Amino acid sequence: MRDFIKTCILVFIILLVFVIVFIVVGHLKHEVELLSRTELSNNDPTVRILYNRVKNKTGLRKAHLVNEDLTSDDIIKFVLDNIEQEDYEKKTIKAEKITCQVTKTIDFITNTGKCNVAIIDNETFMDYQLNYFNTTNELSYEDIEYHGLTCKNSGKKYYCLINDYQDRLLGYSSLDKVYEEKDRIVLYEYYLQIDILDNYRCLKYFDENYCTNYDTEKRPYIDESVIQKDGVLYAHIFKKNGDNYYLEQSFIVGDI
C-alpha cells in the first residue's frame, strides 16, 4: 500500500513538473514574440500604402477574412476599389440610339447619349491579385456590377461602364496601431460603417440636410474620436512576399 502511495505521489510530482515547465516555456515564448515585434509609425510609407488598401472600404468587410477563401468576384471588387488610375485607360464612346458599341461583342445601354468606359487588361488584374493576395488563380470572367461600374470581359480586357454612384454604406476608418513581426505587418484600425438609408443611424452622425440630400451633398467628416468610440476594431495581417506585402487575413478583434 505504501509503495502504491509513493508511486502516485511520484507520478503527481512528475506531472506537476511537466505542467510548470510547459507554462514557463509558453510564457518565455510569448515574451520572445513580444520582443520580436517592432511598433511602426502610422506615417511609415509602407504602412500608408497598406492602410489605403483597406481604409474606408466596405466591399471586403467580414468578421473573418482569409484570402484563400475569396471568390473571383471578391478579388475583382477589391481590384476595382484599389486600382490606380494610371493602370487603366478611359474612353468615351458615342451612343447609337441607346447603345454604345465598345467591341463587336460588348456593348452598353445608356440614357445619356455616350458611355464613359474604363478599359483594364486582364494582365493588370492578375498583377493586382498577385500583389494583394499572392494568388495566380485564373479569374472567372463573369459580368459584374459594383459601385457604379458595370463590367464585362472580352477574354482579354475588362470594359467597365462608369456611372454616377453614391454608396449608401459609408465607411470611416481610424488607424490605431501597427507593428512588424518577422515577415508580417499587423495593422489595427477602428472601422465605423453607416447605412445612410437607415434614418436613425444616419441622423446619429449627420444632420438632416445630408440624410435627406445625401446623393448631392459632400461626404461628411467624422472625428476620429467618434470612430474609435463607436467603431469595430479590426486587425489586418499583411505578409511579406519579395518586395510586396499581401493581405493574408483580416478579422474583428475578439471574434477569434
Protein backbone atom coordinates (compact mmCIF):
# COMPACT_ATOMS: atom_id res chain seq x y z
CA MET A 1 0.00 0.00 0.00
CA ARG A 2 2.83 2.37 0.90
CA ASP A 3 4.57 1.61 -2.43
CA PHE A 4 1.34 2.45 -4.28
CA ILE A 5 1.03 5.79 -2.46
CA LYS A 6 4.68 6.60 -3.15
CA THR A 7 4.18 5.78 -6.84
CA CYS A 8 1.10 8.04 -7.02
CA ILE A 9 2.97 10.89 -5.33
CA LEU A 10 5.90 10.46 -7.70
CA VAL A 11 3.63 10.45 -10.76
CA PHE A 12 1.86 13.56 -9.42
CA ILE A 13 5.19 15.36 -8.90
CA ILE A 14 6.36 14.44 -12.41
CA LEU A 15 3.09 15.69 -13.94
CA LEU A 16 3.31 18.89 -11.89
CA VAL A 17 6.86 19.47 -13.12
CA PHE A 18 5.71 18.96 -16.73
CA VAL A 19 2.87 21.46 -16.25
CA ILE A 20 5.20 24.04 -14.69
CA VAL A 21 7.77 23.59 -17.48
CA PHE A 22 5.01 23.92 -20.12
CA ILE A 23 3.74 27.15 -18.54
CA VAL A 24 7.24 28.62 -18.21
CA VAL A 25 8.20 27.71 -21.80
CA GLY A 26 4.91 29.11 -23.10
CA HIS A 27 5.44 32.35 -21.16
CA LEU A 28 9.02 32.69 -22.41
CA LYS A 29 7.88 32.04 -25.99
CA HIS A 30 5.22 34.73 -25.63
CA GLU A 31 7.78 37.17 -24.24
CA VAL A 32 10.18 36.40 -27.10
CA GLU A 33 7.36 37.02 -29.60
CA LEU A 34 6.60 40.35 -27.95
CA LEU A 35 10.28 41.31 -28.09
CA SER A 36 10.38 40.41 -31.79
CA ARG A 37 7.60 42.89 -32.52
CA THR A 38 8.57 46.34 -33.72
CA GLU A 39 5.98 49.07 -33.50
CA LEU A 40 5.77 51.10 -36.69
CA SER A 41 4.79 54.72 -37.11
CA ASN A 42 1.40 55.40 -38.64
CA ASN A 43 3.24 57.66 -41.09
CA ASP A 44 5.62 54.95 -42.27
CA PRO A 45 5.40 54.85 -46.12
CA THR A 46 4.71 51.09 -46.22
CA VAL A 47 2.06 51.45 -43.53
CA ARG A 48 0.31 54.20 -45.52
CA ILE A 49 0.26 52.03 -48.65
CA LEU A 50 -1.19 49.04 -46.82
CA TYR A 51 -3.66 51.16 -44.86
CA ASN A 52 -5.01 52.73 -48.05
CA ARG A 53 -5.91 49.27 -49.33
CA VAL A 54 -8.45 48.74 -46.57
CA LYS A 55 -9.25 52.28 -45.39
CA ASN A 56 -12.96 53.15 -45.64
CA LYS A 57 -13.59 50.12 -47.85
CA THR A 58 -16.92 48.34 -47.38
CA GLY A 59 -16.61 45.65 -50.05
CA LEU A 60 -14.47 43.10 -48.20
CA ARG A 61 -15.58 43.77 -44.63
CA LYS A 62 -16.17 40.41 -42.99
CA ALA A 63 -15.89 39.19 -39.42
CA HIS A 64 -13.08 36.91 -40.57
CA LEU A 65 -11.45 37.04 -43.99
CA VAL A 66 -8.86 34.57 -45.24
CA ASN A 67 -7.54 35.27 -48.70
CA GLU A 68 -7.67 31.61 -49.79
CA ASP A 69 -11.45 31.73 -49.33
CA LEU A 70 -12.03 34.77 -51.54
CA THR A 71 -14.08 34.27 -54.68
CA SER A 72 -13.19 35.73 -58.07
CA ASP A 73 -15.92 38.34 -57.56
CA ASP A 74 -14.37 39.32 -54.22
CA ILE A 75 -10.97 39.78 -55.85
CA ILE A 76 -12.38 41.72 -58.81
CA LYS A 77 -14.25 44.08 -56.46
CA PHE A 78 -11.11 44.61 -54.38
CA VAL A 79 -9.09 45.44 -57.50
CA LEU A 80 -11.79 47.83 -58.72
CA ASP A 81 -11.68 49.53 -55.31
CA ASN A 82 -7.92 49.89 -55.31
CA ILE A 83 -6.72 50.12 -58.90
CA GLU A 84 -4.59 53.16 -59.66
CA GLN A 85 -5.81 55.43 -62.46
CA GLU A 86 -2.56 55.11 -64.37
CA ASP A 87 -3.12 51.35 -64.65
CA TYR A 88 -6.11 51.60 -66.97
CA GLU A 89 -7.38 53.80 -69.75
CA LYS A 90 -10.66 55.66 -70.13
CA LYS A 91 -12.57 56.02 -73.35
CA THR A 92 -15.73 57.95 -74.25
CA ILE A 93 -17.95 56.25 -76.82
CA LYS A 94 -20.85 57.94 -78.56
CA ALA A 95 -24.13 56.05 -78.38
CA GLU A 96 -26.01 54.98 -81.49
CA LYS A 97 -29.62 55.31 -80.37
CA ILE A 98 -29.26 53.92 -76.82
CA THR A 99 -26.32 51.56 -77.39
CA CYS A 100 -22.59 52.16 -77.03
CA GLN A 101 -20.76 49.54 -79.08
CA VAL A 102 -17.39 49.06 -77.37
CA THR A 103 -16.28 45.95 -79.29
CA LYS A 104 -18.05 43.62 -81.69
CA THR A 105 -19.23 41.53 -78.75
CA ILE A 106 -19.50 44.07 -75.93
CA ASP A 107 -21.95 46.94 -75.72
CA PHE A 108 -23.66 49.00 -73.04
CA ILE A 109 -27.10 50.57 -72.86
CA THR A 110 -27.12 54.28 -71.99
CA ASN A 111 -29.60 57.08 -71.49
CA THR A 112 -27.03 59.89 -71.78
CA GLY A 113 -26.03 59.59 -75.42
CA LYS A 114 -22.50 58.44 -74.60
CA CYS A 115 -20.61 55.97 -72.45
CA ASN A 116 -17.54 56.59 -70.30
CA VAL A 117 -15.70 53.29 -70.25
CA ALA A 118 -12.71 52.07 -68.21
CA ILE A 119 -10.56 49.55 -70.10
CA ILE A 120 -8.43 47.26 -67.93
CA ASP A 121 -6.16 44.48 -69.22
CA ASN A 122 -6.61 41.05 -67.67
CA GLU A 123 -2.87 41.05 -67.00
CA THR A 124 -3.36 44.12 -64.82
CA PHE A 125 -5.96 42.26 -62.76
CA MET A 126 -3.57 39.34 -62.42
CA ASP A 127 -0.76 41.66 -61.27
CA TYR A 128 -3.03 43.24 -58.67
CA GLN A 129 -4.30 39.96 -57.30
CA LEU A 130 -0.74 38.65 -57.08
CA ASN A 131 0.43 41.74 -55.19
CA TYR A 132 -2.67 42.00 -52.99
CA PHE A 133 -3.45 38.33 -52.31
CA ASN A 134 -0.42 36.35 -53.54
CA THR A 135 -2.59 34.25 -55.80
CA THR A 136 -2.28 33.49 -59.51
CA ASN A 137 -5.63 31.74 -59.81
CA GLU A 138 -7.41 32.46 -63.06
CA LEU A 139 -10.40 34.72 -62.50
CA SER A 140 -13.81 33.62 -63.75
CA TYR A 141 -14.85 36.38 -66.10
CA GLU A 142 -18.41 36.99 -65.03
CA ASP A 143 -20.20 40.23 -65.80
CA ILE A 144 -20.22 42.26 -62.61
CA GLU A 145 -21.88 45.41 -61.28
CA TYR A 146 -20.08 47.15 -58.46
CA HIS A 147 -20.04 50.68 -57.07
CA GLY A 148 -21.22 52.38 -60.25
CA LEU A 149 -19.24 50.13 -62.58
CA THR A 150 -20.85 47.65 -64.97
CA CYS A 151 -18.03 45.41 -66.17
CA LYS A 152 -17.90 42.87 -68.97
CA ASN A 153 -14.92 40.80 -70.03
CA SER A 154 -13.85 40.01 -73.58
CA GLY A 155 -11.39 37.31 -72.51
CA LYS A 156 -8.50 39.79 -72.72
CA LYS A 157 -9.82 43.01 -71.16
CA TYR A 158 -12.40 44.31 -68.75
CA TYR A 159 -14.65 47.00 -70.16
CA CYS A 160 -16.43 48.85 -67.37
CA LEU A 161 -19.20 51.37 -67.93
CA ILE A 162 -18.74 54.21 -65.44
CA ASN A 163 -21.94 55.58 -63.93
CA ASP A 164 -22.57 58.19 -61.27
CA TYR A 165 -22.68 56.36 -57.97
CA GLN A 166 -23.46 57.16 -54.36
CA ASP A 167 -22.65 54.36 -51.93
CA ARG A 168 -25.33 54.07 -49.25
CA LEU A 169 -22.81 52.35 -46.96
CA LEU A 170 -20.26 54.87 -45.77
CA GLY A 171 -17.08 53.55 -44.18
CA TYR A 172 -14.96 55.58 -41.76
CA SER A 173 -11.61 54.33 -40.57
CA SER A 174 -9.12 55.34 -37.86
CA LEU A 175 -5.68 53.76 -37.75
CA ASP A 176 -4.92 52.57 -34.22
CA LYS A 177 -1.52 50.88 -34.10
CA VAL A 178 0.80 48.93 -36.37
CA TYR A 179 3.61 46.52 -35.61
CA GLU A 180 6.02 44.42 -37.63
CA GLU A 181 6.67 40.83 -36.61
CA LYS A 182 9.08 38.68 -38.61
CA ASP A 183 7.70 38.75 -42.19
CA ARG A 184 4.32 40.28 -41.31
CA ILE A 185 2.85 43.69 -40.67
CA VAL A 186 -0.24 43.73 -38.45
CA LEU A 187 -2.40 46.80 -38.78
CA TYR A 188 -5.14 47.62 -36.27
CA GLU A 189 -7.89 50.04 -37.25
CA TYR A 190 -11.27 51.12 -35.95
CA TYR A 191 -13.94 50.94 -38.61
CA LEU A 192 -17.35 52.58 -38.46
CA GLN A 193 -19.93 51.73 -41.12
CA ILE A 194 -23.07 53.83 -41.57
CA ASP A 195 -26.05 52.98 -43.74
CA ILE A 196 -27.36 56.39 -44.80
CA LEU A 197 -30.73 54.86 -45.72
CA ASP A 198 -31.16 53.92 -42.06
CA ASN A 199 -32.65 57.21 -40.88
CA TYR A 200 -31.95 56.64 -37.17
CA ARG A 201 -28.31 55.73 -37.79
CA CYS A 202 -27.81 58.49 -40.35
CA LEU A 203 -29.16 61.19 -38.01
CA LYS A 204 -26.95 59.89 -35.21
CA TYR A 205 -23.87 61.06 -37.12
CA PHE A 206 -25.09 63.58 -39.71
CA ASP A 207 -27.56 66.43 -39.93
CA GLU A 208 -30.99 66.13 -41.53
CA ASN A 209 -29.94 68.03 -44.66
CA TYR A 210 -27.31 65.45 -45.52
CA CYS A 211 -29.51 62.46 -44.69
CA THR A 212 -32.22 63.86 -46.99
CA ASN A 213 -29.92 65.01 -49.81
CA TYR A 214 -27.01 62.58 -49.50
CA ASP A 215 -26.93 61.98 -53.26
CA THR A 216 -25.94 65.60 -53.94
CA GLU A 217 -24.12 66.53 -50.72
CA LYS A 218 -20.42 66.09 -49.99
CA ARG A 219 -19.44 63.17 -47.78
CA PRO A 220 -19.36 64.49 -44.18
CA TYR A 221 -16.36 64.35 -41.88
CA ILE A 222 -16.46 62.29 -38.68
CA ASP A 223 -13.94 62.92 -35.91
CA GLU A 224 -11.54 60.06 -35.17
CA SER A 225 -12.59 60.02 -31.51
CA VAL A 226 -16.13 59.09 -32.64
CA ILE A 227 -14.83 56.40 -34.99
CA GLN A 228 -12.78 54.85 -32.18
CA LYS A 229 -15.69 55.08 -29.74
CA ASP A 230 -18.39 53.58 -31.98
CA GLY A 231 -16.32 51.62 -34.49
CA VAL A 232 -15.32 47.97 -34.63
CA LEU A 233 -11.66 47.08 -34.06
CA TYR A 234 -10.18 45.15 -36.99
CA ALA A 235 -6.78 43.52 -37.41
CA HIS A 236 -5.34 43.19 -40.90
CA ILE A 237 -2.36 40.87 -41.34
CA PHE A 238 -0.12 41.53 -44.33
CA LYS A 239 2.58 39.00 -45.18
CA LYS A 240 5.77 39.91 -47.00
CA ASN A 241 6.37 38.38 -50.41
CA GLY A 242 9.54 39.68 -52.03
CA ASP A 243 9.23 43.46 -52.15
CA ASN A 244 5.48 43.41 -51.62
CA TYR A 245 3.02 42.67 -48.83
CA TYR A 246 -0.23 40.83 -49.50
CA LEU A 247 -3.33 40.62 -47.33
CA GLU A 248 -3.19 37.26 -45.57
CA GLN A 249 -6.24 37.70 -43.36
CA SER A 250 -8.47 40.23 -41.62
CA PHE A 251 -10.66 39.74 -38.58
CA ILE A 252 -12.65 41.56 -35.95
CA VAL A 253 -10.52 41.56 -32.80
CA GLY A 254 -12.14 39.34 -30.20
CA ASP A 255 -14.06 37.17 -32.68
CA ILE A 256 -11.37 34.51 -32.96
